């Protein structure tokens, strides 16, 4: 996804900021965030119908070892924290990757 992110950020000769791309992805998909995140959820451990899945084994499409540095304003951080809480996550880094994966043009992580 890192290459897709860079291509999108730098497309058209205008250089967007990392934060600008992330906020655009979230804003564009705000009404679908829960749906996108649920569809991207993968578990690395079997749970079946009898046992609930261990939350520590849950991964999301688009997540990986690459990190994107963001510089957000206090107001933007407040919104990110509020949305994170609404979605039921402890950290917004958990749910941003699948949203970016859905938003960015090109072959989606699967």
C-alpha atoms as a PDB file:
ATOM      1  CA  UNK A   1       0.000   0.000   0.000  1.00  0.00           C
ATOM      2  CA  UNK A   2       2.949   2.330   0.554  1.00  0.00           C
ATOM      3  CA  UNK A   3       3.531   2.670  -3.207  1.00  0.00           C
ATOM      4  CA  UNK A   4      -0.141   3.379  -3.842  1.00  0.00           C
ATOM      5  CA  UNK A   5      -0.075   5.998  -1.095  1.00  0.00           C
ATOM      6  CA  UNK A   6       2.970   7.749  -2.564  1.00  0.00           C
ATOM      7  CA  UNK A   7       1.578   7.672  -6.117  1.00  0.00           C
ATOM      8  CA  UNK A   8      -1.702   9.199  -4.965  1.00  0.00           C
ATOM      9  CA  UNK A   9      -0.035  11.791  -2.758  1.00  0.00           C
ATOM     10  CA  UNK A  10       2.263  12.956  -5.556  1.00  0.00           C
ATOM     11  CA  UNK A  11      -0.206  12.620  -8.484  1.00  0.00           C
ATOM     12  CA  UNK A  12      -0.869  15.505 -10.811  1.00  0.00           C
ATOM     13  CA  UNK A  13       2.297  17.371  -9.919  1.00  0.00           C
ATOM     14  CA  UNK A  14       0.868  18.720  -6.701  1.00  0.00           C
ATOM     15  CA  UNK A  15       2.353  17.345  -3.553  1.00  0.00           C
ATOM     16  CA  UNK A  16      -0.252  16.602  -0.923  1.00  0.00           C
ATOM     17  CA  UNK A  17       0.758  16.033   2.672  1.00  0.00           C
ATOM     18  CA  UNK A  18       0.454  12.608   4.281  1.00  0.00           C
ATOM     19  CA  UNK A  19      -2.141  14.053   6.639  1.00  0.00           C
ATOM     20  CA  UNK A  20      -4.073  15.507   3.705  1.00  0.00           C
ATOM     21  CA  UNK A  21      -4.356  12.108   2.022  1.00  0.00           C
ATOM     22  CA  UNK A  22      -5.392  10.348   5.239  1.00  0.00           C
ATOM     23  CA  UNK A  23      -8.004  12.979   6.104  1.00  0.00           C
ATOM     24  CA  UNK A  24      -9.362  12.888   2.538  1.00  0.00           C
ATOM     25  CA  UNK A  25      -9.691   9.093   2.711  1.00  0.00           C
ATOM     26  CA  UNK A  26     -11.529   9.268   6.039  1.00  0.00           C
ATOM     27  CA  UNK A  27     -13.725  12.196   5.032  1.00  0.00           C
ATOM     28  CA  UNK A  28     -14.689  10.624   1.719  1.00  0.00           C
ATOM     29  CA  UNK A  29     -15.671   7.361   3.399  1.00  0.00           C
ATOM     30  CA  UNK A  30     -16.975   8.670   6.723  1.00  0.00           C
ATOM     31  CA  UNK A  31     -20.440   7.188   6.274  1.00  0.00           C
ATOM     32  CA  UNK A  32     -18.913   3.794   5.342  1.00  0.00           C
ATOM     33  CA  UNK A  33     -16.070   3.495   7.876  1.00  0.00           C
ATOM     34  CA  UNK A  34     -17.659   0.701   9.907  1.00  0.00           C
ATOM     35  CA  UNK A  35     -18.535  -1.249   6.759  1.00  0.00           C
ATOM     36  CA  UNK A  36     -15.021  -0.877   5.294  1.00  0.00           C
ATOM     37  CA  UNK A  37     -13.349  -1.936   8.537  1.00  0.00           C
ATOM     38  CA  UNK A  38     -15.653  -4.920   9.052  1.00  0.00           C
ATOM     39  CA  UNK A  39     -15.037  -6.135   5.482  1.00  0.00           C
ATOM     40  CA  UNK A  40     -11.272  -5.884   5.940  1.00  0.00           C
ATOM     41  CA  UNK A  41     -11.140  -7.815   9.221  1.00  0.00           C
ATOM     42  CA  UNK A  42      -9.098 -11.023   9.176  1.00  0.00           C
ATOM     43  CA  UNK A  43      -8.330 -13.382  12.020  1.00  0.00           C
ATOM     44  CA  UNK A  44      -5.114 -15.337  12.227  1.00  0.00           C
ATOM     45  CA  UNK A  45      -6.561 -17.830  14.703  1.00  0.00           C
ATOM     46  CA  UNK A  46      -9.500 -20.203  14.332  1.00  0.00           C
ATOM     47  CA  UNK A  47     -12.489 -19.337  16.445  1.00  0.00           C
ATOM     48  CA  UNK A  48     -15.356 -21.048  14.723  1.00  0.00           C
ATOM     49  CA  UNK A  49     -18.869 -20.542  15.965  1.00  0.00           C
ATOM     50  CA  UNK A  50     -18.246 -21.870  19.460  1.00  0.00           C
ATOM     51  CA  UNK A  51     -15.374 -19.648  20.606  1.00  0.00           C
ATOM     52  CA  UNK A  52     -14.999 -15.902  20.136  1.00  0.00           C
ATOM     53  CA  UNK A  53     -11.930 -14.794  18.222  1.00  0.00           C
ATOM     54  CA  UNK A  54      -9.018 -13.569  20.325  1.00  0.00           C
ATOM     55  CA  UNK A  55      -8.803  -9.812  19.581  1.00  0.00           C
ATOM     56  CA  UNK A  56      -4.997 -10.072  19.637  1.00  0.00           C
ATOM     57  CA  UNK A  57      -5.136 -12.230  16.489  1.00  0.00           C
ATOM     58  CA  UNK A  58      -7.303  -9.866  14.435  1.00  0.00           C
ATOM     59  CA  UNK A  59      -5.623  -8.114  11.521  1.00  0.00           C
ATOM     60  CA  UNK A  60      -6.999  -5.707   8.937  1.00  0.00           C
ATOM     61  CA  UNK A  61      -6.309  -5.516   5.212  1.00  0.00           C
ATOM     62  CA  UNK A  62      -3.851  -2.739   4.499  1.00  0.00           C
ATOM     63  CA  UNK A  63      -2.110  -3.123   7.839  1.00  0.00           C
ATOM     64  CA  UNK A  64       1.561  -3.893   7.712  1.00  0.00           C
ATOM     65  CA  UNK A  65       4.971  -2.895   8.895  1.00  0.00           C
ATOM     66  CA  UNK A  66       5.109   0.431   7.022  1.00  0.00           C
ATOM     67  CA  UNK A  67       4.186   3.489   9.037  1.00  0.00           C
ATOM     68  CA  UNK A  68       3.045   6.833   7.660  1.00  0.00           C
ATOM     69  CA  UNK A  69       4.011   9.898   9.651  1.00  0.00           C
ATOM     70  CA  UNK A  70       1.250  12.472  10.121  1.00  0.00           C
ATOM     71  CA  UNK A  71       1.225  16.002  11.439  1.00  0.00           C
ATOM     72  CA  UNK A  72      -2.299  16.749  12.602  1.00  0.00           C
ATOM     73  CA  UNK A  73      -3.671  19.808  14.345  1.00  0.00           C
ATOM     74  CA  UNK A  74      -5.191  19.504  17.807  1.00  0.00           C
ATOM     75  CA  UNK A  75      -8.654  19.860  16.284  1.00  0.00           C
ATOM     76  CA  UNK A  76      -7.946  17.095  13.759  1.00  0.00           C
ATOM     77  CA  UNK A  77      -6.599  14.864  16.535  1.00  0.00           C
ATOM     78  CA  UNK A  78      -9.772  15.487  18.546  1.00  0.00           C
ATOM     79  CA  UNK A  79     -11.906  14.349  15.593  1.00  0.00           C
ATOM     80  CA  UNK A  80      -9.695  11.290  15.029  1.00  0.00           C
ATOM     81  CA  UNK A  81     -10.003  10.376  18.712  1.00  0.00           C
ATOM     82  CA  UNK A  82     -13.796  10.810  18.619  1.00  0.00           C
ATOM     83  CA  UNK A  83     -14.173   8.663  15.484  1.00  0.00           C
ATOM     84  CA  UNK A  84     -11.830   6.054  16.982  1.00  0.00           C
ATOM     85  CA  UNK A  85     -14.029   5.836  20.058  1.00  0.00           C
ATOM     86  CA  UNK A  86     -17.207   5.662  17.940  1.00  0.00           C
ATOM     87  CA  UNK A  87     -15.712   2.747  15.986  1.00  0.00           C
ATOM     88  CA  UNK A  88     -14.734   0.950  19.203  1.00  0.00           C
ATOM     89  CA  UNK A  89     -10.956   1.057  18.833  1.00  0.00           C
ATOM     90  CA  UNK A  90      -8.273   2.081  21.302  1.00  0.00           C
ATOM     91  CA  UNK A  91      -5.960   3.601  18.665  1.00  0.00           C
ATOM     92  CA  UNK A  92      -6.802   5.205  15.356  1.00  0.00           C
ATOM     93  CA  UNK A  93      -3.773   3.599  13.692  1.00  0.00           C
ATOM     94  CA  UNK A  94      -5.708   0.305  13.783  1.00  0.00           C
ATOM     95  CA  UNK A  95      -8.558   1.417  11.538  1.00  0.00           C
ATOM     96  CA  UNK A  96      -6.880   3.974   9.252  1.00  0.00           C
ATOM     97  CA  UNK A  97      -4.992   1.338   7.209  1.00  0.00           C
ATOM     98  CA  UNK A  98      -8.093  -0.485   5.920  1.00  0.00           C
ATOM     99  CA  UNK A  99      -9.728   2.839   5.072  1.00  0.00           C
ATOM    100  CA  UNK A 100      -6.659   3.877   3.071  1.00  0.00           C
ATOM    101  CA  UNK A 101      -6.581   0.465   1.405  1.00  0.00           C
ATOM    102  CA  UNK A 102     -10.165   0.997   0.238  1.00  0.00           C
ATOM    103  CA  UNK A 103      -9.655   4.629  -0.803  1.00  0.00           C
ATOM    104  CA  UNK A 104      -6.375   4.536  -2.729  1.00  0.00           C
ATOM    105  CA  UNK A 105      -6.463   3.695  -6.443  1.00  0.00           C
ATOM    106  CA  UNK A 106      -4.765   0.521  -7.613  1.00  0.00           C
ATOM    107  CA  UNK A 107      -4.780  -3.096  -6.533  1.00  0.00           C
ATOM    108  CA  UNK A 108      -6.128  -3.437  -3.017  1.00  0.00           C
ATOM    109  CA  UNK A 109      -4.323  -5.501  -0.389  1.00  0.00           C
ATOM    110  CA  UNK A 110      -6.124  -8.786   0.077  1.00  0.00           C
END
